[in-house]
N, C-alpha and C. Protein backbone atom coordinates (compact mmCIF):
# COMPACT_ATOMS: atom_id res chain seq x y z
N MET A 1 -4.72 34.18 -49.91
CA MET A 1 -4.03 32.95 -49.63
C MET A 1 -3.29 33.03 -48.30
N SER A 2 -2.70 34.16 -47.99
CA SER A 2 -1.97 34.30 -46.73
C SER A 2 -2.92 34.22 -45.54
N SER A 3 -4.19 34.71 -45.70
CA SER A 3 -5.13 34.63 -44.58
C SER A 3 -5.51 33.17 -44.30
N ARG A 4 -5.59 32.31 -45.37
CA ARG A 4 -5.87 30.88 -45.16
C ARG A 4 -4.75 30.23 -44.37
N ILE A 5 -3.51 30.55 -44.73
CA ILE A 5 -2.35 29.98 -44.03
C ILE A 5 -2.36 30.41 -42.57
N ARG A 6 -2.68 31.71 -42.35
CA ARG A 6 -2.72 32.20 -40.97
C ARG A 6 -3.80 31.49 -40.15
N ARG A 7 -5.00 31.30 -40.79
CA ARG A 7 -6.08 30.60 -40.08
C ARG A 7 -5.70 29.17 -39.75
N ARG A 8 -5.11 28.47 -40.73
CA ARG A 8 -4.71 27.07 -40.52
C ARG A 8 -3.64 27.00 -39.43
N THR A 9 -2.67 27.92 -39.46
CA THR A 9 -1.60 27.96 -38.47
C THR A 9 -2.18 28.23 -37.08
N ALA A 10 -3.11 29.17 -37.02
CA ALA A 10 -3.73 29.50 -35.73
C ALA A 10 -4.49 28.29 -35.19
N GLY A 11 -5.19 27.56 -36.10
CA GLY A 11 -5.93 26.37 -35.68
C GLY A 11 -5.01 25.29 -35.15
N VAL A 12 -3.89 25.05 -35.85
CA VAL A 12 -2.92 24.05 -35.41
C VAL A 12 -2.30 24.45 -34.09
N LEU A 13 -1.95 25.74 -33.97
CA LEU A 13 -1.36 26.24 -32.73
C LEU A 13 -2.34 26.11 -31.57
N GLY A 14 -3.62 26.43 -31.81
CA GLY A 14 -4.64 26.32 -30.77
C GLY A 14 -4.81 24.88 -30.31
N ALA A 15 -4.83 23.96 -31.29
CA ALA A 15 -4.96 22.54 -30.94
C ALA A 15 -3.75 22.06 -30.14
N ALA A 16 -2.56 22.52 -30.52
CA ALA A 16 -1.34 22.13 -29.79
C ALA A 16 -1.37 22.66 -28.37
N LEU A 17 -1.83 23.90 -28.18
CA LEU A 17 -1.92 24.48 -26.84
C LEU A 17 -2.91 23.72 -25.97
N LEU A 18 -4.07 23.36 -26.56
CA LEU A 18 -5.07 22.59 -25.81
C LEU A 18 -4.53 21.22 -25.43
N ALA A 19 -3.84 20.55 -26.35
CA ALA A 19 -3.27 19.24 -26.06
C ALA A 19 -2.22 19.34 -24.97
N GLY A 20 -1.40 20.39 -25.04
CA GLY A 20 -0.38 20.61 -24.02
C GLY A 20 -1.00 20.85 -22.65
N ALA A 21 -2.08 21.65 -22.63
CA ALA A 21 -2.76 21.94 -21.37
C ALA A 21 -3.36 20.66 -20.79
N ALA A 22 -3.95 19.84 -21.67
CA ALA A 22 -4.54 18.58 -21.20
C ALA A 22 -3.47 17.66 -20.65
N LEU A 23 -2.32 17.59 -21.33
CA LEU A 23 -1.22 16.75 -20.88
C LEU A 23 -0.70 17.25 -19.54
N TYR A 24 -0.56 18.57 -19.38
CA TYR A 24 -0.08 19.14 -18.13
C TYR A 24 -1.04 18.80 -17.00
N CYS A 25 -2.35 18.93 -17.25
CA CYS A 25 -3.34 18.62 -16.22
C CYS A 25 -3.28 17.15 -15.84
N ALA A 26 -3.12 16.27 -16.83
CA ALA A 26 -3.04 14.84 -16.54
C ALA A 26 -1.83 14.53 -15.69
N ARG A 27 -0.70 15.17 -16.00
CA ARG A 27 0.51 14.95 -15.20
C ARG A 27 0.34 15.51 -13.80
N ASP A 28 -0.33 16.65 -13.71
CA ASP A 28 -0.49 17.34 -12.43
C ASP A 28 -1.40 16.57 -11.48
N GLU A 29 -2.31 15.75 -12.02
CA GLU A 29 -3.24 15.01 -11.17
C GLU A 29 -2.54 13.97 -10.32
N GLY A 30 -1.44 13.40 -10.79
CA GLY A 30 -0.74 12.37 -10.03
C GLY A 30 -1.52 11.07 -10.02
N ASP A 31 -1.36 10.30 -8.94
CA ASP A 31 -2.02 9.00 -8.84
C ASP A 31 -3.53 9.13 -8.72
N HIS A 32 -4.22 8.13 -9.23
CA HIS A 32 -5.65 7.98 -8.96
C HIS A 32 -5.74 6.95 -7.84
N PHE A 33 -6.76 7.08 -7.00
CA PHE A 33 -6.85 6.20 -5.84
C PHE A 33 -8.16 5.44 -5.82
N ALA A 34 -8.09 4.23 -5.26
CA ALA A 34 -9.28 3.41 -5.06
C ALA A 34 -9.38 3.13 -3.57
N SER A 35 -10.60 3.06 -3.08
CA SER A 35 -10.82 2.74 -1.67
C SER A 35 -11.07 1.24 -1.53
N VAL A 36 -10.40 0.61 -0.59
CA VAL A 36 -10.62 -0.82 -0.31
C VAL A 36 -10.91 -1.00 1.17
N GLY A 37 -11.49 -2.15 1.50
CA GLY A 37 -11.87 -2.44 2.88
C GLY A 37 -13.35 -2.21 3.06
N GLY A 38 -13.85 -2.59 4.22
CA GLY A 38 -15.28 -2.43 4.48
C GLY A 38 -16.08 -3.56 3.85
N ALA A 39 -17.38 -3.55 4.09
CA ALA A 39 -18.27 -4.60 3.59
C ALA A 39 -18.33 -4.58 2.07
N ARG A 40 -18.42 -5.75 1.47
CA ARG A 40 -18.57 -5.95 0.03
C ARG A 40 -17.43 -5.35 -0.79
N SER A 41 -16.27 -5.19 -0.19
CA SER A 41 -15.10 -4.71 -0.91
C SER A 41 -14.31 -5.90 -1.43
N ALA A 42 -13.40 -5.64 -2.36
CA ALA A 42 -12.50 -6.71 -2.84
C ALA A 42 -11.71 -7.29 -1.68
N CYS A 43 -11.41 -6.45 -0.70
CA CYS A 43 -10.78 -6.89 0.55
C CYS A 43 -11.71 -6.48 1.68
N GLU A 44 -12.51 -7.41 2.17
CA GLU A 44 -13.47 -7.05 3.23
C GLU A 44 -12.74 -7.00 4.56
N LEU A 45 -12.69 -5.79 5.13
CA LEU A 45 -11.93 -5.54 6.36
C LEU A 45 -12.74 -4.64 7.29
N PRO A 46 -12.38 -4.58 8.57
CA PRO A 46 -13.07 -3.66 9.48
C PRO A 46 -12.58 -2.22 9.33
N VAL A 47 -11.70 -1.97 8.37
CA VAL A 47 -11.21 -0.63 8.08
C VAL A 47 -11.27 -0.40 6.57
N THR A 48 -11.19 0.87 6.18
CA THR A 48 -11.05 1.22 4.77
C THR A 48 -9.78 2.06 4.63
N PHE A 49 -9.19 2.07 3.45
CA PHE A 49 -8.04 2.92 3.17
C PHE A 49 -7.93 3.09 1.66
N LYS A 50 -7.11 4.04 1.24
CA LYS A 50 -6.97 4.33 -0.19
C LYS A 50 -5.64 3.81 -0.70
N ILE A 51 -5.68 3.18 -1.88
CA ILE A 51 -4.47 2.70 -2.54
C ILE A 51 -4.42 3.28 -3.96
N PRO A 52 -3.21 3.50 -4.47
CA PRO A 52 -3.09 4.03 -5.83
C PRO A 52 -3.45 2.96 -6.86
N THR A 53 -3.99 3.40 -7.99
CA THR A 53 -4.28 2.48 -9.10
C THR A 53 -3.13 2.57 -10.10
N PRO A 54 -2.89 1.56 -10.92
CA PRO A 54 -3.63 0.31 -11.01
C PRO A 54 -3.25 -0.67 -9.90
N TRP A 55 -4.19 -1.58 -9.56
CA TRP A 55 -3.90 -2.60 -8.57
C TRP A 55 -4.68 -3.86 -8.92
N LYS A 56 -4.21 -5.00 -8.42
CA LYS A 56 -4.96 -6.24 -8.62
C LYS A 56 -4.91 -7.08 -7.35
N ASN A 57 -6.00 -7.78 -7.12
CA ASN A 57 -6.14 -8.63 -5.94
C ASN A 57 -5.46 -9.96 -6.22
N LYS A 58 -4.61 -10.42 -5.30
CA LYS A 58 -3.99 -11.74 -5.48
C LYS A 58 -4.27 -12.63 -4.27
N ARG A 59 -5.53 -12.64 -3.86
CA ARG A 59 -5.94 -13.38 -2.67
C ARG A 59 -5.49 -14.83 -2.73
N SER A 60 -4.97 -15.29 -1.61
CA SER A 60 -4.48 -16.66 -1.52
C SER A 60 -5.65 -17.64 -1.57
N GLU A 61 -5.45 -18.76 -2.24
CA GLU A 61 -6.51 -19.76 -2.34
C GLU A 61 -6.55 -20.70 -1.14
N ARG A 62 -5.42 -20.85 -0.46
CA ARG A 62 -5.41 -21.81 0.65
C ARG A 62 -5.79 -21.11 1.95
N ALA A 63 -6.43 -21.84 2.84
CA ALA A 63 -6.84 -21.29 4.13
C ALA A 63 -5.61 -21.07 4.99
N THR A 64 -5.67 -20.04 5.80
CA THR A 64 -4.58 -19.74 6.72
C THR A 64 -5.12 -19.71 8.14
N ASP A 65 -4.22 -19.61 9.11
CA ASP A 65 -4.66 -19.48 10.51
C ASP A 65 -5.52 -18.25 10.68
N ASP A 66 -5.20 -17.17 9.95
CA ASP A 66 -5.98 -15.94 10.06
C ASP A 66 -7.44 -16.18 9.69
N GLU A 67 -7.66 -16.94 8.60
CA GLU A 67 -9.02 -17.19 8.17
C GLU A 67 -9.79 -18.03 9.17
N GLU A 68 -9.09 -18.92 9.85
CA GLU A 68 -9.75 -19.77 10.83
C GLU A 68 -10.18 -18.98 12.06
N ARG A 69 -9.42 -17.96 12.43
CA ARG A 69 -9.78 -17.22 13.64
C ARG A 69 -10.45 -15.88 13.33
N SER A 70 -10.75 -15.61 12.07
CA SER A 70 -11.36 -14.34 11.70
C SER A 70 -12.41 -14.54 10.63
N ARG A 71 -13.45 -13.71 10.67
CA ARG A 71 -14.43 -13.76 9.58
C ARG A 71 -13.91 -13.03 8.35
N TYR A 72 -12.80 -12.31 8.51
CA TYR A 72 -12.20 -11.59 7.40
C TYR A 72 -11.11 -12.42 6.75
N ALA A 73 -11.10 -12.45 5.43
CA ALA A 73 -10.05 -13.18 4.71
C ALA A 73 -8.82 -12.27 4.60
N PRO A 74 -7.63 -12.85 4.50
CA PRO A 74 -6.44 -12.02 4.28
C PRO A 74 -6.57 -11.23 2.98
N CYS A 75 -5.98 -10.07 2.95
CA CYS A 75 -6.01 -9.21 1.78
C CYS A 75 -4.60 -9.12 1.22
N ASP A 76 -4.42 -9.48 -0.05
CA ASP A 76 -3.12 -9.41 -0.71
C ASP A 76 -3.31 -8.75 -2.07
N VAL A 77 -2.70 -7.59 -2.28
CA VAL A 77 -2.83 -6.90 -3.56
C VAL A 77 -1.46 -6.50 -4.10
N VAL A 78 -1.40 -6.36 -5.42
CA VAL A 78 -0.21 -5.87 -6.10
C VAL A 78 -0.54 -4.50 -6.66
N LEU A 79 0.32 -3.52 -6.36
CA LEU A 79 0.08 -2.14 -6.79
C LEU A 79 1.11 -1.72 -7.83
N GLY A 80 0.63 -1.07 -8.89
CA GLY A 80 1.54 -0.52 -9.89
C GLY A 80 2.03 -1.56 -10.88
N THR A 81 3.01 -1.13 -11.70
CA THR A 81 3.58 -2.00 -12.73
C THR A 81 5.08 -1.76 -12.81
N GLY A 82 5.78 -2.69 -13.42
CA GLY A 82 7.21 -2.54 -13.67
C GLY A 82 8.06 -2.55 -12.41
N GLN A 83 9.16 -1.80 -12.44
CA GLN A 83 10.12 -1.79 -11.33
C GLN A 83 9.56 -1.17 -10.05
N ALA A 84 8.49 -0.38 -10.17
CA ALA A 84 7.91 0.27 -8.98
C ALA A 84 6.78 -0.55 -8.37
N THR A 85 6.57 -1.79 -8.83
CA THR A 85 5.51 -2.63 -8.28
C THR A 85 5.76 -2.91 -6.80
N VAL A 86 4.72 -2.77 -5.99
CA VAL A 86 4.83 -3.12 -4.57
C VAL A 86 3.68 -4.03 -4.18
N ASP A 87 3.92 -4.84 -3.17
CA ASP A 87 2.89 -5.71 -2.61
C ASP A 87 2.35 -5.08 -1.33
N LEU A 88 1.06 -5.23 -1.13
CA LEU A 88 0.42 -4.78 0.11
C LEU A 88 -0.36 -5.96 0.65
N TRP A 89 -0.18 -6.27 1.92
CA TRP A 89 -0.95 -7.35 2.54
C TRP A 89 -1.53 -6.87 3.86
N VAL A 90 -2.71 -7.40 4.19
CA VAL A 90 -3.37 -7.06 5.45
C VAL A 90 -3.83 -8.35 6.10
N ARG A 91 -3.58 -8.47 7.39
CA ARG A 91 -4.08 -9.60 8.17
C ARG A 91 -4.92 -9.04 9.32
N VAL A 92 -6.02 -9.71 9.61
CA VAL A 92 -6.87 -9.33 10.72
C VAL A 92 -6.54 -10.26 11.88
N TYR A 93 -6.09 -9.65 12.97
CA TYR A 93 -5.52 -10.38 14.10
C TYR A 93 -6.43 -10.26 15.32
N ASP A 94 -6.58 -11.28 16.08
CA ASP A 94 -7.38 -11.32 17.33
C ASP A 94 -8.71 -10.57 17.24
N THR A 95 -9.58 -11.04 16.36
CA THR A 95 -10.89 -10.40 16.16
C THR A 95 -11.67 -10.30 17.46
N GLY A 96 -12.19 -9.10 17.71
CA GLY A 96 -13.06 -8.88 18.85
C GLY A 96 -12.40 -8.88 20.21
N LYS A 97 -11.08 -8.91 20.26
CA LYS A 97 -10.38 -8.95 21.54
C LYS A 97 -10.24 -7.54 22.11
N LYS A 98 -10.70 -7.33 23.31
CA LYS A 98 -10.61 -6.01 23.94
C LYS A 98 -9.20 -5.77 24.48
N GLY A 99 -8.73 -4.54 24.39
CA GLY A 99 -7.43 -4.18 24.94
C GLY A 99 -6.26 -4.87 24.28
N ALA A 100 -6.36 -5.14 22.98
CA ALA A 100 -5.28 -5.83 22.27
C ALA A 100 -4.02 -4.97 22.23
N ASP A 101 -2.89 -5.64 22.14
CA ASP A 101 -1.60 -4.96 22.11
C ASP A 101 -1.08 -4.90 20.67
N PRO A 102 -1.03 -3.71 20.05
CA PRO A 102 -0.60 -3.63 18.65
C PRO A 102 0.85 -4.08 18.45
N LEU A 103 1.69 -3.85 19.47
CA LEU A 103 3.09 -4.27 19.35
C LEU A 103 3.20 -5.79 19.28
N LYS A 104 2.43 -6.50 20.10
CA LYS A 104 2.46 -7.97 20.07
C LYS A 104 2.01 -8.47 18.71
N ALA A 105 0.93 -7.89 18.19
CA ALA A 105 0.43 -8.30 16.87
C ALA A 105 1.50 -8.06 15.81
N LEU A 106 2.14 -6.91 15.86
CA LEU A 106 3.17 -6.57 14.88
C LEU A 106 4.34 -7.54 14.95
N LEU A 107 4.79 -7.83 16.16
CA LEU A 107 5.93 -8.73 16.32
C LEU A 107 5.59 -10.16 15.90
N ASP A 108 4.31 -10.56 16.01
CA ASP A 108 3.92 -11.89 15.54
C ASP A 108 4.07 -12.02 14.03
N TYR A 109 4.06 -10.91 13.32
CA TYR A 109 4.22 -10.92 11.86
C TYR A 109 5.59 -10.42 11.42
N ASP A 110 6.48 -10.20 12.36
CA ASP A 110 7.82 -9.73 12.02
C ASP A 110 8.50 -10.71 11.07
N GLY A 111 9.00 -10.21 9.95
CA GLY A 111 9.66 -11.07 8.98
C GLY A 111 8.71 -11.85 8.08
N GLN A 112 7.44 -11.47 8.07
CA GLN A 112 6.43 -12.15 7.26
C GLN A 112 6.88 -12.30 5.81
N GLY A 113 6.89 -13.52 5.30
CA GLY A 113 7.19 -13.77 3.90
C GLY A 113 8.61 -13.50 3.48
N MET A 114 9.56 -13.47 4.43
CA MET A 114 10.92 -13.10 4.06
C MET A 114 11.93 -14.23 4.21
N SER A 115 11.48 -15.47 4.41
CA SER A 115 12.40 -16.58 4.65
C SER A 115 13.33 -16.84 3.47
N ASN A 116 12.95 -16.46 2.28
CA ASN A 116 13.77 -16.71 1.10
C ASN A 116 14.71 -15.56 0.76
N TYR A 117 14.73 -14.52 1.56
CA TYR A 117 15.47 -13.32 1.18
C TYR A 117 16.75 -13.07 1.97
N GLY A 118 17.15 -13.98 2.81
CA GLY A 118 18.39 -13.77 3.55
C GLY A 118 18.16 -12.94 4.80
N GLU A 119 19.14 -12.08 5.12
CA GLU A 119 19.12 -11.31 6.36
C GLU A 119 18.23 -10.07 6.24
N TYR A 120 17.67 -9.66 7.37
CA TYR A 120 16.99 -8.37 7.42
C TYR A 120 17.24 -7.74 8.77
N TYR A 121 17.22 -6.42 8.81
CA TYR A 121 17.42 -5.73 10.07
C TYR A 121 16.47 -4.55 10.16
N HIS A 122 16.02 -4.29 11.39
CA HIS A 122 15.10 -3.17 11.62
C HIS A 122 15.86 -1.86 11.59
N ASP A 123 15.31 -0.90 10.90
CA ASP A 123 15.94 0.42 10.89
C ASP A 123 14.92 1.51 11.22
N GLU A 124 13.75 1.08 11.60
CA GLU A 124 12.70 2.03 11.97
C GLU A 124 11.75 1.31 12.90
N TYR A 125 11.40 1.91 14.02
CA TYR A 125 10.58 1.20 14.99
C TYR A 125 9.87 2.22 15.87
N LYS A 126 8.54 2.10 15.98
CA LYS A 126 7.80 3.01 16.84
C LYS A 126 6.70 2.23 17.55
N ASN A 127 6.57 2.49 18.83
CA ASN A 127 5.49 1.92 19.61
C ASN A 127 4.74 3.10 20.24
N ARG A 128 3.55 2.84 20.70
CA ARG A 128 2.75 3.87 21.37
C ARG A 128 2.48 5.09 20.49
N LEU A 129 2.00 4.86 19.28
CA LEU A 129 1.53 5.96 18.45
C LEU A 129 0.07 5.68 18.13
N THR A 130 -0.59 6.58 17.45
CA THR A 130 -1.98 6.37 17.06
C THR A 130 -2.10 6.47 15.55
N ILE A 131 -2.95 5.62 15.00
CA ILE A 131 -3.31 5.67 13.59
C ILE A 131 -4.83 5.67 13.56
N ALA A 132 -5.41 6.62 12.87
CA ALA A 132 -6.87 6.80 12.82
C ALA A 132 -7.45 6.93 14.23
N GLY A 133 -6.67 7.51 15.15
CA GLY A 133 -7.13 7.74 16.52
C GLY A 133 -7.11 6.51 17.41
N HIS A 134 -6.44 5.43 16.98
CA HIS A 134 -6.40 4.18 17.74
C HIS A 134 -4.96 3.76 18.02
N PRO A 135 -4.74 2.99 19.11
CA PRO A 135 -3.38 2.56 19.46
C PRO A 135 -2.73 1.79 18.30
N ALA A 136 -1.45 2.06 18.07
CA ALA A 136 -0.75 1.44 16.95
C ALA A 136 0.74 1.28 17.24
N ALA A 137 1.39 0.50 16.41
CA ALA A 137 2.85 0.34 16.43
C ALA A 137 3.28 0.17 14.98
N GLU A 138 4.53 0.53 14.67
CA GLU A 138 5.01 0.35 13.30
C GLU A 138 6.49 0.04 13.28
N MET A 139 6.95 -0.57 12.19
CA MET A 139 8.37 -0.85 12.02
C MET A 139 8.71 -0.84 10.53
N GLY A 140 9.98 -0.58 10.26
CA GLY A 140 10.49 -0.67 8.91
C GLY A 140 11.75 -1.50 8.95
N TYR A 141 12.01 -2.27 7.93
CA TYR A 141 13.24 -3.04 7.92
C TYR A 141 13.81 -3.11 6.52
N THR A 142 15.11 -3.33 6.48
CA THR A 142 15.83 -3.46 5.23
C THR A 142 16.21 -4.92 5.05
N VAL A 143 16.02 -5.42 3.84
CA VAL A 143 16.31 -6.82 3.54
C VAL A 143 17.57 -6.89 2.69
N GLU A 144 18.47 -7.77 3.07
CA GLU A 144 19.71 -7.98 2.32
C GLU A 144 19.68 -9.38 1.71
N PRO A 145 19.35 -9.51 0.43
CA PRO A 145 19.32 -10.83 -0.20
C PRO A 145 20.70 -11.48 -0.18
N PRO A 146 20.75 -12.83 -0.13
CA PRO A 146 22.04 -13.52 -0.07
C PRO A 146 22.88 -13.34 -1.34
N ASP A 147 22.23 -13.08 -2.47
CA ASP A 147 22.95 -12.87 -3.73
C ASP A 147 23.58 -11.48 -3.73
N PRO A 148 24.92 -11.37 -3.81
CA PRO A 148 25.57 -10.05 -3.77
C PRO A 148 25.23 -9.17 -4.98
N ASN A 149 24.68 -9.77 -6.04
CA ASN A 149 24.29 -9.00 -7.22
C ASN A 149 22.90 -8.38 -7.11
N VAL A 150 22.19 -8.73 -6.03
CA VAL A 150 20.84 -8.19 -5.82
C VAL A 150 20.90 -7.15 -4.70
N SER A 151 20.40 -5.96 -5.00
CA SER A 151 20.44 -4.86 -4.03
C SER A 151 19.48 -5.10 -2.87
N THR A 152 19.74 -4.38 -1.78
CA THR A 152 18.83 -4.44 -0.63
C THR A 152 17.52 -3.74 -0.98
N PHE A 153 16.48 -4.05 -0.24
CA PHE A 153 15.21 -3.37 -0.42
C PHE A 153 14.51 -3.25 0.92
N ARG A 154 13.46 -2.40 0.98
CA ARG A 154 12.81 -2.09 2.25
C ARG A 154 11.39 -2.61 2.31
N ARG A 155 10.96 -2.87 3.54
CA ARG A 155 9.57 -3.21 3.82
C ARG A 155 9.11 -2.37 5.01
N ARG A 156 7.81 -2.10 5.08
CA ARG A 156 7.24 -1.33 6.19
C ARG A 156 5.97 -2.02 6.67
N MET A 157 5.72 -1.97 7.98
CA MET A 157 4.54 -2.59 8.56
C MET A 157 3.97 -1.74 9.70
N PHE A 158 2.66 -1.84 9.89
CA PHE A 158 2.07 -1.27 11.10
C PHE A 158 0.94 -2.18 11.58
N ALA A 159 0.63 -2.04 12.87
CA ALA A 159 -0.52 -2.70 13.47
C ALA A 159 -1.35 -1.63 14.15
N VAL A 160 -2.67 -1.71 13.99
CA VAL A 160 -3.56 -0.74 14.64
C VAL A 160 -4.74 -1.51 15.24
N VAL A 161 -5.10 -1.11 16.47
CA VAL A 161 -6.21 -1.75 17.17
C VAL A 161 -7.50 -1.00 16.84
N THR A 162 -8.52 -1.73 16.38
CA THR A 162 -9.84 -1.14 16.14
C THR A 162 -10.82 -1.83 17.08
N PRO A 163 -12.03 -1.31 17.25
CA PRO A 163 -13.00 -1.99 18.13
C PRO A 163 -13.33 -3.41 17.67
N ASP A 164 -13.20 -3.66 16.37
CA ASP A 164 -13.57 -4.96 15.82
C ASP A 164 -12.42 -5.96 15.79
N ALA A 165 -11.19 -5.48 15.59
CA ALA A 165 -10.03 -6.37 15.47
C ALA A 165 -8.76 -5.54 15.39
N THR A 166 -7.63 -6.21 15.51
CA THR A 166 -6.34 -5.56 15.29
C THR A 166 -5.92 -5.86 13.85
N ILE A 167 -5.55 -4.83 13.13
CA ILE A 167 -5.14 -4.96 11.74
C ILE A 167 -3.62 -4.91 11.67
N VAL A 168 -3.01 -5.83 10.93
CA VAL A 168 -1.58 -5.78 10.66
C VAL A 168 -1.42 -5.61 9.16
N LEU A 169 -0.71 -4.57 8.74
CA LEU A 169 -0.59 -4.24 7.32
C LEU A 169 0.88 -4.06 6.96
N GLY A 170 1.29 -4.63 5.83
CA GLY A 170 2.66 -4.51 5.37
C GLY A 170 2.72 -4.08 3.92
N VAL A 171 3.75 -3.30 3.58
CA VAL A 171 3.97 -2.85 2.21
C VAL A 171 5.44 -3.07 1.87
N GLY A 172 5.70 -3.56 0.67
CA GLY A 172 7.09 -3.72 0.26
C GLY A 172 7.21 -4.25 -1.15
N GLY A 173 8.37 -4.05 -1.74
CA GLY A 173 8.67 -4.58 -3.06
C GLY A 173 9.99 -5.32 -3.00
N ASP A 174 10.17 -6.27 -3.90
CA ASP A 174 11.37 -7.09 -3.87
C ASP A 174 12.48 -6.58 -4.77
N ASN A 175 12.38 -5.35 -5.21
CA ASN A 175 13.45 -4.79 -6.03
C ASN A 175 13.73 -3.36 -5.59
N PRO A 176 14.97 -2.90 -5.76
CA PRO A 176 15.32 -1.57 -5.26
C PRO A 176 14.53 -0.44 -5.90
N GLY A 177 14.01 -0.65 -7.11
CA GLY A 177 13.21 0.38 -7.76
C GLY A 177 11.91 0.67 -7.04
N ALA A 178 11.51 -0.22 -6.12
CA ALA A 178 10.24 -0.05 -5.42
C ALA A 178 10.39 0.66 -4.08
N ASP A 179 11.61 0.98 -3.66
CA ASP A 179 11.80 1.56 -2.32
C ASP A 179 11.04 2.87 -2.12
N GLU A 180 11.16 3.77 -3.07
CA GLU A 180 10.46 5.06 -2.95
C GLU A 180 8.96 4.85 -3.00
N ARG A 181 8.52 3.96 -3.89
CA ARG A 181 7.10 3.65 -4.02
C ARG A 181 6.56 3.02 -2.74
N THR A 182 7.35 2.15 -2.11
CA THR A 182 6.94 1.53 -0.84
C THR A 182 6.63 2.59 0.19
N HIS A 183 7.51 3.58 0.30
CA HIS A 183 7.33 4.66 1.27
C HIS A 183 6.07 5.46 0.95
N GLU A 184 5.87 5.79 -0.33
CA GLU A 184 4.70 6.58 -0.74
C GLU A 184 3.40 5.84 -0.43
N VAL A 185 3.34 4.56 -0.82
CA VAL A 185 2.12 3.78 -0.61
C VAL A 185 1.84 3.62 0.89
N TYR A 186 2.88 3.32 1.65
CA TYR A 186 2.73 3.15 3.09
C TYR A 186 2.16 4.41 3.73
N ASP A 187 2.73 5.56 3.41
CA ASP A 187 2.24 6.83 3.97
C ASP A 187 0.81 7.11 3.55
N GLN A 188 0.47 6.82 2.29
CA GLN A 188 -0.88 7.05 1.79
C GLN A 188 -1.89 6.18 2.54
N VAL A 189 -1.57 4.90 2.70
CA VAL A 189 -2.48 3.99 3.40
C VAL A 189 -2.64 4.40 4.85
N LYS A 190 -1.52 4.67 5.51
CA LYS A 190 -1.56 5.03 6.93
C LYS A 190 -2.37 6.29 7.18
N SER A 191 -2.24 7.28 6.30
CA SER A 191 -2.96 8.55 6.50
C SER A 191 -4.43 8.45 6.11
N SER A 192 -4.79 7.47 5.27
CA SER A 192 -6.19 7.39 4.81
C SER A 192 -7.01 6.32 5.52
N ILE A 193 -6.40 5.57 6.43
CA ILE A 193 -7.13 4.47 7.08
C ILE A 193 -8.23 5.01 7.99
N ARG A 194 -9.41 4.41 7.88
CA ARG A 194 -10.59 4.79 8.66
C ARG A 194 -11.33 3.54 9.08
N LEU A 195 -12.10 3.63 10.17
CA LEU A 195 -12.94 2.51 10.57
C LEU A 195 -14.06 2.34 9.55
N ALA A 196 -14.33 1.10 9.16
CA ALA A 196 -15.43 0.85 8.21
C ALA A 196 -16.73 1.12 8.91
N SER A 197 -17.66 1.74 8.19
CA SER A 197 -18.97 2.04 8.81
C SER A 197 -20.00 1.01 8.43
C-alpha cells in the first residue's frame, strides 16, 4: 500500500513540476509579435514593423487628406488590453517625393489628435538621426488634461524618409497606466522597421 501512495505522489509531483516548467516558459517568452505593413497587410505601407499582440485594426471609415495624396490608407491600431492599451497610428506623407524632410513631416503632425486633451509640451526631440538606415526625426511629449483629477500621459512620434514615401508614426495611450507600454511599443516598432520588399 505504501508503494502505491509513493507512486501516486511521485506522479502528482511530476505533473506539478511539468506544469510549473510550462508556466515559467510561457512567462519567459514575453510578448508575441505580429508583422504589419507591406503589400496585402492589414495596414498596407511601404515599410514593415513588428507590434505586440493582441492588436486590432481600427481603420477610419472617412477619407482623409492622406488618402487623397497617397495610395496607402492611414493605419490605426489598438494594442493590448486594459490600462496598458496604447494606440498606434501611421500616416504616409508626400508619397514619391525625393529629398523629403522628416522634420517638416513630423511637425505637420505635431499634436495630432490632441485637441481635446488640454496642454501638451515637448520633453524629447531629435532631428538628424537614422531609422532603418534612412533620415528621420522624432519627438516625445507629455499631455496635461484640463481635468485636475486626470493624470498626465505621454505620446511619442517619429518620421522616417523611405524611397517610396515619408512615414509618420505615433504611439500613445490616454491613461497613465499606458506610459511604460507606450515606451516599449515605440522602441519595438522603431527597432524593427524595415523597407517593404
